[in-house]
Amino acid sequence: MRYTQKHSHHTYVQPNLYYFSRVIPSDLKHHYSNPRIIQSLKTKSARSATVASKMLPARLYDYWLGLRLKQVDVPVSHLLVSGATVNLESNLPTIDEALEAYLNVKGRGKSDLLFSHTRRSIKYLKDCLGSRSLDQYTSL
């Protein structure tokens, strides 16, 4: 691996193909299996590599900011309103009822792939948040 000053920041060329390389910040290393990110930019063009080498770090920095914010203790957290409250008198369908209604309406004439993907997605949701009525889910 050879770094030169002729290429964009955090890039290098190996067999005429540009790569992005960046050391992971020490406070975020526990989120990764390697201490360095190396990603092919899938181009032989210096101009394309320059553009990609600016976009990729910007996306990484945004993601890393999100990870850092999750680690921060919330000041005066005792004043926060807790998550969704349970509304026992909800007239909305549960996620399982909504799933079946969706499949009945959208699934006519569709392949089994639609059914398996949709059921899998809802299973992931229920594994994380449980089965609730639709008004009990929030995006927060």
N, C-alpha and C. Protein backbone atom coordinates (compact mmCIF):
# COMPACT_ATOMS: atom_id res chain seq x y z
N MET A 1 0.85 -1.16 0.00
CA MET A 1 0.00 0.00 0.00
C MET A 1 0.90 1.22 0.00
N ARG A 2 0.74 2.07 -1.00
CA ARG A 2 1.59 3.24 -1.14
C ARG A 2 0.75 4.50 -1.13
N TYR A 3 1.04 5.41 -0.23
CA TYR A 3 0.35 6.69 -0.17
C TYR A 3 1.22 7.73 -0.86
N THR A 4 0.59 8.56 -1.65
CA THR A 4 1.34 9.62 -2.31
C THR A 4 0.58 10.93 -2.12
N GLN A 5 1.24 12.02 -2.32
CA GLN A 5 0.63 13.33 -2.19
C GLN A 5 -0.16 13.72 -3.45
N LYS A 6 -0.04 12.94 -4.52
CA LYS A 6 -0.70 13.27 -5.77
C LYS A 6 -2.20 12.97 -5.74
N HIS A 7 -2.64 12.17 -4.79
CA HIS A 7 -4.03 11.73 -4.76
C HIS A 7 -4.81 12.48 -3.68
N SER A 8 -6.12 12.39 -3.79
CA SER A 8 -6.99 13.03 -2.81
C SER A 8 -6.72 12.50 -1.41
N HIS A 9 -7.13 13.28 -0.44
CA HIS A 9 -6.95 12.93 0.96
C HIS A 9 -7.59 11.57 1.25
N HIS A 10 -6.88 10.70 1.92
CA HIS A 10 -7.33 9.37 2.33
C HIS A 10 -7.53 8.41 1.15
N THR A 11 -6.87 8.66 0.04
CA THR A 11 -6.97 7.72 -1.08
C THR A 11 -5.59 7.24 -1.49
N TYR A 12 -5.58 6.09 -2.13
CA TYR A 12 -4.35 5.58 -2.73
C TYR A 12 -4.74 4.73 -3.93
N VAL A 13 -3.76 4.46 -4.78
CA VAL A 13 -3.99 3.68 -5.99
C VAL A 13 -3.26 2.36 -5.86
N GLN A 14 -3.95 1.32 -6.17
CA GLN A 14 -3.33 0.01 -6.21
C GLN A 14 -3.86 -0.68 -7.45
N PRO A 15 -2.99 -1.27 -8.27
CA PRO A 15 -3.26 -1.71 -9.63
C PRO A 15 -4.29 -0.88 -10.39
N ASN A 16 -4.01 0.42 -10.52
CA ASN A 16 -4.82 1.36 -11.30
C ASN A 16 -6.25 1.52 -10.78
N LEU A 17 -6.52 1.16 -9.54
CA LEU A 17 -7.84 1.32 -8.95
C LEU A 17 -7.69 2.12 -7.66
N TYR A 18 -8.55 3.11 -7.49
CA TYR A 18 -8.45 3.98 -6.31
C TYR A 18 -9.16 3.34 -5.11
N TYR A 19 -8.56 3.54 -3.95
CA TYR A 19 -9.10 3.05 -2.69
C TYR A 19 -9.18 4.19 -1.69
N PHE A 20 -10.16 4.11 -0.81
CA PHE A 20 -10.29 5.04 0.30
C PHE A 20 -9.80 4.32 1.55
N SER A 21 -9.02 5.01 2.36
CA SER A 21 -8.52 4.43 3.59
C SER A 21 -8.60 5.48 4.70
N ARG A 22 -9.12 5.08 5.83
CA ARG A 22 -9.27 6.01 6.94
C ARG A 22 -9.16 5.24 8.25
N VAL A 23 -8.40 5.78 9.18
CA VAL A 23 -8.30 5.20 10.51
C VAL A 23 -9.57 5.53 11.27
N ILE A 24 -10.10 4.57 11.99
CA ILE A 24 -11.31 4.78 12.77
C ILE A 24 -10.93 5.52 14.05
N PRO A 25 -11.65 6.56 14.42
CA PRO A 25 -11.34 7.29 15.65
C PRO A 25 -11.35 6.35 16.86
N SER A 26 -10.46 6.61 17.80
CA SER A 26 -10.27 5.69 18.93
C SER A 26 -11.53 5.50 19.76
N ASP A 27 -12.36 6.53 19.88
CA ASP A 27 -13.57 6.38 20.70
C ASP A 27 -14.66 5.56 20.01
N LEU A 28 -14.47 5.22 18.73
CA LEU A 28 -15.46 4.44 18.00
C LEU A 28 -14.95 3.07 17.57
N LYS A 29 -13.72 2.74 17.92
CA LYS A 29 -13.12 1.48 17.46
C LYS A 29 -13.89 0.25 17.94
N HIS A 30 -14.56 0.36 19.08
CA HIS A 30 -15.29 -0.81 19.59
C HIS A 30 -16.50 -1.15 18.72
N HIS A 31 -16.88 -0.29 17.80
CA HIS A 31 -17.99 -0.56 16.89
C HIS A 31 -17.53 -1.32 15.64
N TYR A 32 -16.24 -1.43 15.43
CA TYR A 32 -15.70 -2.00 14.20
C TYR A 32 -14.80 -3.21 14.50
N SER A 33 -14.68 -4.08 13.51
CA SER A 33 -13.84 -5.27 13.66
C SER A 33 -12.39 -4.99 13.27
N ASN A 34 -12.15 -3.91 12.52
CA ASN A 34 -10.79 -3.53 12.11
C ASN A 34 -10.52 -2.08 12.53
N PRO A 35 -9.26 -1.74 12.75
CA PRO A 35 -8.96 -0.37 13.17
C PRO A 35 -8.93 0.63 12.01
N ARG A 36 -9.06 0.15 10.78
CA ARG A 36 -8.99 1.01 9.61
C ARG A 36 -10.06 0.60 8.62
N ILE A 37 -10.64 1.59 7.97
CA ILE A 37 -11.61 1.35 6.90
C ILE A 37 -10.86 1.44 5.59
N ILE A 38 -10.96 0.41 4.79
CA ILE A 38 -10.40 0.42 3.43
C ILE A 38 -11.53 0.00 2.50
N GLN A 39 -11.84 0.90 1.56
CA GLN A 39 -12.97 0.68 0.67
C GLN A 39 -12.55 1.02 -0.76
N SER A 40 -12.83 0.11 -1.67
CA SER A 40 -12.57 0.40 -3.08
C SER A 40 -13.51 1.49 -3.55
N LEU A 41 -12.99 2.46 -4.28
CA LEU A 41 -13.82 3.51 -4.87
C LEU A 41 -14.34 3.10 -6.24
N LYS A 42 -13.91 1.94 -6.71
CA LYS A 42 -14.37 1.34 -7.96
C LYS A 42 -14.22 2.26 -9.15
N THR A 43 -13.08 2.93 -9.20
CA THR A 43 -12.81 3.81 -10.34
C THR A 43 -11.32 3.86 -10.61
N LYS A 44 -11.00 4.10 -11.86
CA LYS A 44 -9.61 4.33 -12.27
C LYS A 44 -9.38 5.81 -12.53
N SER A 45 -10.43 6.59 -12.45
CA SER A 45 -10.37 8.01 -12.76
C SER A 45 -10.01 8.81 -11.51
N ALA A 46 -9.01 9.66 -11.63
CA ALA A 46 -8.60 10.51 -10.51
C ALA A 46 -9.71 11.48 -10.14
N ARG A 47 -10.41 12.01 -11.13
CA ARG A 47 -11.50 12.95 -10.86
C ARG A 47 -12.64 12.28 -10.10
N SER A 48 -13.04 11.09 -10.52
CA SER A 48 -14.10 10.36 -9.82
C SER A 48 -13.67 9.99 -8.41
N ALA A 49 -12.41 9.62 -8.26
CA ALA A 49 -11.89 9.27 -6.93
C ALA A 49 -11.90 10.48 -6.01
N THR A 50 -11.60 11.65 -6.54
CA THR A 50 -11.62 12.87 -5.73
C THR A 50 -13.03 13.15 -5.22
N VAL A 51 -14.01 13.03 -6.10
CA VAL A 51 -15.40 13.26 -5.70
C VAL A 51 -15.84 12.24 -4.65
N ALA A 52 -15.54 10.97 -4.92
CA ALA A 52 -15.93 9.91 -3.99
C ALA A 52 -15.21 10.05 -2.65
N SER A 53 -13.96 10.48 -2.68
CA SER A 53 -13.19 10.60 -1.44
C SER A 53 -13.66 11.78 -0.59
N LYS A 54 -14.47 12.65 -1.16
CA LYS A 54 -15.08 13.73 -0.38
C LYS A 54 -16.45 13.33 0.15
N MET A 55 -17.18 12.53 -0.62
CA MET A 55 -18.52 12.12 -0.21
C MET A 55 -18.48 11.05 0.88
N LEU A 56 -17.60 10.09 0.74
CA LEU A 56 -17.53 8.99 1.70
C LEU A 56 -17.19 9.46 3.11
N PRO A 57 -16.18 10.31 3.30
CA PRO A 57 -15.92 10.79 4.66
C PRO A 57 -17.06 11.62 5.24
N ALA A 58 -17.76 12.36 4.41
CA ALA A 58 -18.89 13.16 4.90
C ALA A 58 -19.96 12.24 5.47
N ARG A 59 -20.24 11.15 4.76
CA ARG A 59 -21.23 10.19 5.26
C ARG A 59 -20.73 9.50 6.52
N LEU A 60 -19.44 9.18 6.55
CA LEU A 60 -18.86 8.55 7.75
C LEU A 60 -18.96 9.48 8.95
N TYR A 61 -18.61 10.76 8.76
CA TYR A 61 -18.64 11.70 9.87
C TYR A 61 -20.06 11.86 10.42
N ASP A 62 -21.05 11.88 9.53
CA ASP A 62 -22.44 11.95 9.98
C ASP A 62 -22.81 10.72 10.81
N TYR A 63 -22.42 9.54 10.32
CA TYR A 63 -22.71 8.30 11.04
C TYR A 63 -21.99 8.29 12.39
N TRP A 64 -20.73 8.71 12.38
CA TRP A 64 -19.96 8.72 13.63
C TRP A 64 -20.55 9.71 14.63
N LEU A 65 -21.06 10.82 14.15
CA LEU A 65 -21.71 11.78 15.05
C LEU A 65 -22.91 11.14 15.73
N GLY A 66 -23.69 10.39 14.95
CA GLY A 66 -24.83 9.68 15.53
C GLY A 66 -24.40 8.68 16.59
N LEU A 67 -23.32 7.94 16.32
CA LEU A 67 -22.82 6.99 17.31
C LEU A 67 -22.35 7.70 18.57
N ARG A 68 -21.69 8.81 18.40
CA ARG A 68 -21.19 9.57 19.55
C ARG A 68 -22.35 10.14 20.37
N LEU A 69 -23.38 10.62 19.69
CA LEU A 69 -24.53 11.18 20.41
C LEU A 69 -25.28 10.11 21.21
N LYS A 70 -25.29 8.88 20.71
CA LYS A 70 -25.93 7.79 21.45
C LYS A 70 -25.18 7.47 22.73
N GLN A 71 -23.87 7.75 22.75
CA GLN A 71 -23.05 7.43 23.92
C GLN A 71 -23.13 8.52 24.99
N VAL A 72 -23.62 9.68 24.64
CA VAL A 72 -23.64 10.81 25.56
C VAL A 72 -24.75 10.63 26.58
N ASP A 73 -24.45 10.91 27.85
CA ASP A 73 -25.48 10.92 28.87
C ASP A 73 -26.36 12.14 28.66
N VAL A 74 -27.65 11.94 28.73
CA VAL A 74 -28.58 13.04 28.50
C VAL A 74 -28.65 13.89 29.76
N PRO A 75 -28.35 15.18 29.64
CA PRO A 75 -28.46 16.04 30.81
C PRO A 75 -29.92 16.18 31.24
N VAL A 76 -30.15 16.26 32.50
CA VAL A 76 -31.48 16.36 33.14
C VAL A 76 -32.46 15.34 32.55
N SER A 77 -32.01 14.12 32.41
CA SER A 77 -32.84 13.08 31.82
C SER A 77 -34.09 12.79 32.66
N HIS A 78 -34.06 13.16 33.93
CA HIS A 78 -35.24 12.92 34.78
C HIS A 78 -36.44 13.77 34.36
N LEU A 79 -36.21 14.79 33.53
CA LEU A 79 -37.31 15.65 33.08
C LEU A 79 -37.93 15.18 31.76
N LEU A 80 -37.30 14.19 31.12
CA LEU A 80 -37.81 13.71 29.84
C LEU A 80 -39.09 12.91 30.02
N VAL A 81 -39.98 13.05 29.06
CA VAL A 81 -41.18 12.23 29.03
C VAL A 81 -40.76 10.88 28.48
N SER A 82 -41.18 9.80 29.12
CA SER A 82 -40.78 8.47 28.66
C SER A 82 -41.42 8.18 27.31
N GLY A 83 -41.04 7.05 26.72
CA GLY A 83 -41.50 6.66 25.39
C GLY A 83 -43.01 6.52 25.31
N ALA A 84 -43.47 5.75 24.37
CA ALA A 84 -44.90 5.61 24.11
C ALA A 84 -45.63 5.09 25.34
N THR A 85 -46.75 5.70 25.63
CA THR A 85 -47.58 5.22 26.72
C THR A 85 -48.55 4.19 26.17
N VAL A 86 -48.96 3.29 27.00
CA VAL A 86 -49.85 2.23 26.56
C VAL A 86 -51.28 2.76 26.55
N ASN A 87 -51.90 2.70 25.40
CA ASN A 87 -53.28 3.12 25.26
C ASN A 87 -54.14 1.87 25.15
N LEU A 88 -54.71 1.47 26.27
CA LEU A 88 -55.46 0.21 26.29
C LEU A 88 -56.77 0.30 25.52
N GLU A 89 -57.25 1.52 25.26
CA GLU A 89 -58.52 1.70 24.57
C GLU A 89 -58.31 2.06 23.10
N SER A 90 -57.22 1.68 22.53
CA SER A 90 -56.94 2.01 21.13
C SER A 90 -57.87 1.23 20.22
N ASN A 91 -58.41 1.94 19.23
CA ASN A 91 -59.28 1.30 18.24
C ASN A 91 -58.51 0.92 16.98
N LEU A 92 -57.22 1.23 16.95
CA LEU A 92 -56.41 0.91 15.77
C LEU A 92 -56.01 -0.56 15.79
N PRO A 93 -55.78 -1.13 14.62
CA PRO A 93 -55.37 -2.54 14.57
C PRO A 93 -53.95 -2.73 15.12
N THR A 94 -53.67 -3.96 15.51
CA THR A 94 -52.31 -4.28 15.93
C THR A 94 -51.45 -4.42 14.68
N ILE A 95 -50.16 -4.50 14.88
CA ILE A 95 -49.25 -4.65 13.74
C ILE A 95 -49.53 -5.95 12.98
N ASP A 96 -49.95 -7.01 13.70
CA ASP A 96 -50.27 -8.28 13.04
C ASP A 96 -51.53 -8.15 12.18
N GLU A 97 -52.53 -7.45 12.70
CA GLU A 97 -53.76 -7.24 11.93
C GLU A 97 -53.49 -6.36 10.71
N ALA A 98 -52.65 -5.35 10.88
CA ALA A 98 -52.29 -4.47 9.76
C ALA A 98 -51.51 -5.24 8.70
N LEU A 99 -50.65 -6.14 9.14
CA LEU A 99 -49.88 -6.97 8.21
C LEU A 99 -50.82 -7.82 7.35
N GLU A 100 -51.77 -8.48 7.99
CA GLU A 100 -52.69 -9.34 7.24
C GLU A 100 -53.56 -8.52 6.29
N ALA A 101 -54.01 -7.36 6.73
CA ALA A 101 -54.80 -6.49 5.85
C ALA A 101 -53.97 -6.03 4.66
N TYR A 102 -52.72 -5.66 4.90
CA TYR A 102 -51.82 -5.23 3.82
C TYR A 102 -51.63 -6.35 2.81
N LEU A 103 -51.35 -7.55 3.31
CA LEU A 103 -51.12 -8.68 2.41
C LEU A 103 -52.38 -9.05 1.62
N ASN A 104 -53.55 -8.92 2.25
CA ASN A 104 -54.81 -9.20 1.54
C ASN A 104 -55.04 -8.21 0.42
N VAL A 105 -54.71 -6.95 0.64
CA VAL A 105 -54.95 -5.91 -0.36
C VAL A 105 -53.85 -5.91 -1.42
N LYS A 106 -52.60 -5.87 -1.00
CA LYS A 106 -51.48 -5.73 -1.93
C LYS A 106 -50.97 -7.06 -2.48
N GLY A 107 -51.34 -8.16 -1.85
CA GLY A 107 -50.76 -9.44 -2.23
C GLY A 107 -51.46 -10.18 -3.33
N ARG A 108 -52.60 -9.68 -3.75
CA ARG A 108 -53.34 -10.39 -4.81
C ARG A 108 -52.52 -10.46 -6.09
N GLY A 109 -52.28 -11.69 -6.54
CA GLY A 109 -51.56 -11.89 -7.78
C GLY A 109 -50.05 -11.70 -7.67
N LYS A 110 -49.55 -11.48 -6.48
CA LYS A 110 -48.11 -11.26 -6.29
C LYS A 110 -47.44 -12.58 -5.95
N SER A 111 -46.13 -12.61 -6.11
CA SER A 111 -45.37 -13.82 -5.82
C SER A 111 -45.20 -13.99 -4.31
N ASP A 112 -44.74 -15.16 -3.93
CA ASP A 112 -44.50 -15.46 -2.52
C ASP A 112 -43.40 -14.57 -1.94
N LEU A 113 -42.59 -13.98 -2.80
CA LEU A 113 -41.49 -13.12 -2.34
C LEU A 113 -42.03 -11.91 -1.58
N LEU A 114 -43.09 -11.30 -2.05
CA LEU A 114 -43.70 -10.17 -1.34
C LEU A 114 -44.11 -10.59 0.06
N PHE A 115 -44.75 -11.74 0.17
CA PHE A 115 -45.24 -12.22 1.45
C PHE A 115 -44.09 -12.50 2.41
N SER A 116 -43.06 -13.19 1.93
CA SER A 116 -41.95 -13.55 2.83
C SER A 116 -41.17 -12.32 3.27
N HIS A 117 -40.92 -11.37 2.37
CA HIS A 117 -40.18 -10.16 2.75
C HIS A 117 -40.97 -9.29 3.72
N THR A 118 -42.26 -9.16 3.47
CA THR A 118 -43.09 -8.33 4.34
C THR A 118 -43.20 -8.95 5.72
N ARG A 119 -43.45 -10.25 5.77
CA ARG A 119 -43.54 -10.92 7.09
C ARG A 119 -42.22 -10.85 7.84
N ARG A 120 -41.10 -10.98 7.11
CA ARG A 120 -39.79 -10.91 7.76
C ARG A 120 -39.57 -9.52 8.35
N SER A 121 -39.91 -8.48 7.62
CA SER A 121 -39.72 -7.11 8.11
C SER A 121 -40.55 -6.86 9.37
N ILE A 122 -41.79 -7.31 9.36
CA ILE A 122 -42.65 -7.13 10.53
C ILE A 122 -42.14 -7.97 11.70
N LYS A 123 -41.60 -9.13 11.42
CA LYS A 123 -41.02 -9.96 12.49
C LYS A 123 -39.86 -9.23 13.16
N TYR A 124 -39.01 -8.58 12.37
CA TYR A 124 -37.90 -7.81 12.94
C TYR A 124 -38.43 -6.68 13.83
N LEU A 125 -39.47 -6.01 13.36
CA LEU A 125 -40.07 -4.93 14.16
C LEU A 125 -40.60 -5.48 15.48
N LYS A 126 -41.33 -6.59 15.41
CA LYS A 126 -41.91 -7.17 16.63
C LYS A 126 -40.83 -7.70 17.57
N ASP A 127 -39.74 -8.23 17.01
CA ASP A 127 -38.65 -8.71 17.87
C ASP A 127 -38.02 -7.57 18.65
N CYS A 128 -37.95 -6.40 18.03
CA CYS A 128 -37.35 -5.25 18.70
C CYS A 128 -38.32 -4.53 19.63
N LEU A 129 -39.55 -4.32 19.18
CA LEU A 129 -40.47 -3.43 19.90
C LEU A 129 -41.72 -4.13 20.44
N GLY A 130 -41.92 -5.37 20.05
CA GLY A 130 -43.11 -6.08 20.50
C GLY A 130 -44.29 -5.81 19.59
N SER A 131 -45.34 -6.60 19.79
CA SER A 131 -46.56 -6.44 19.01
C SER A 131 -47.46 -5.45 19.73
N ARG A 132 -47.80 -4.37 19.05
CA ARG A 132 -48.60 -3.29 19.64
C ARG A 132 -49.65 -2.83 18.63
N SER A 133 -50.53 -1.97 19.08
CA SER A 133 -51.43 -1.32 18.14
C SER A 133 -50.62 -0.25 17.40
N LEU A 134 -51.09 0.15 16.25
CA LEU A 134 -50.31 1.03 15.38
C LEU A 134 -49.98 2.38 16.00
N ASP A 135 -50.83 2.89 16.89
CA ASP A 135 -50.55 4.18 17.50
C ASP A 135 -49.49 4.12 18.60
N GLN A 136 -49.02 2.92 18.91
CA GLN A 136 -48.02 2.76 19.95
C GLN A 136 -46.59 2.79 19.41
N TYR A 137 -46.43 2.86 18.11
CA TYR A 137 -45.09 2.95 17.50
C TYR A 137 -44.79 4.42 17.20
N THR A 138 -43.57 4.82 17.50
CA THR A 138 -43.13 6.17 17.17
C THR A 138 -41.82 6.08 16.43
N SER A 139 -41.42 7.18 15.83
CA SER A 139 -40.17 7.20 15.09
C SER A 139 -39.03 7.72 15.96
N LEU A 140 -39.28 8.00 17.22
CA LEU A 140 -38.24 8.55 18.10
C LEU A 140 -37.33 7.49 18.62
